[in-house]
């Protein structure tokens, strides 16, 4: 497509670009789930991200857009939903291609070597999860997919490993058997909530001392209410296993323990949920052929399995 085509596409949102839309791989968030993304500045100085969406992802992207709009209507800050076009649609069809538009929020890059020593980030992330829960309860939200079951997910991942990587499956079998005993086989609907689904610091646009936007909602939906918190804590430990019981993790968990409306059963299974979610990361490393990350993940899963009592005591769970 040339510049004239993009001008025609953007007119669906009454936007006149000030410059040629450019392919921008440095945009925050993962580009994997769109055909491409382009950064745009309009003639009023506003900044946007134009995304082309694969046809097979149409229904999912539409459901995500509707969920984000509902969350904003429910009062959630730090989200920037997709914009409806002049026909009041989230997705524009141009010459057989599907496009979506969202605001671009600039931020400051996070220093992966120091962020765990910055407690204000723990406060900001805990507060966002609390507000996400409140906003999702204020307004009806249609889940973009079926409710997530950790037990079923681990079962499916292990079945896939047994087929495709039996050596890895064998090494993880003791962890799998432990999870089978401790993870609930059927989720209690009262312990489920709408979650971001991939909540970690790289999916936050950060300001100098504040959160500016939460991005990459591709995995959002109805999940165990502590899913986002467990995913974040698991990521912290993967970055630095000692940080599982470091100031950031302890502060983050304490904030949620004191303020989140989580059921006691949620806290009892919190550690096991952390472990279960790591199977998703292991699958990702295998999918992307990242052998180093794969091997580190297997070591990390074994560490988590052996240190449960010690870590949960430090978490005061």
Foldseek 3Di string as FASTA:
>chain_A
DFQVLVQVVCVQAPFAFPDRWDFDPPAFDDQVQFPTWTWTQTPVRFIKIKTWGDPVCVLLLQLVLQQLVQLVVLPQPQAWGWDQTPVRGQWDADPNIIMIMTGGDAADDDDLVCPLVQQLVLVQLLVNLQSSQSSCVRGPGDFSDDEDALLVLLVVLLVVCCVPPVVLSVLCVVVNVVLNVQGDPDDDLVQKGWDLQQDEPSQFGHHPRHTRHGDDSSRTGIYGSCLNVLCHLLVLCLSPVVSNLPPSVLSNLVSCVVDPPGDPSCLVCSLVSSLSVLSVVLVVCVVVVVVVSNVSSSVSSVVSSVCVVVSCVSSVD
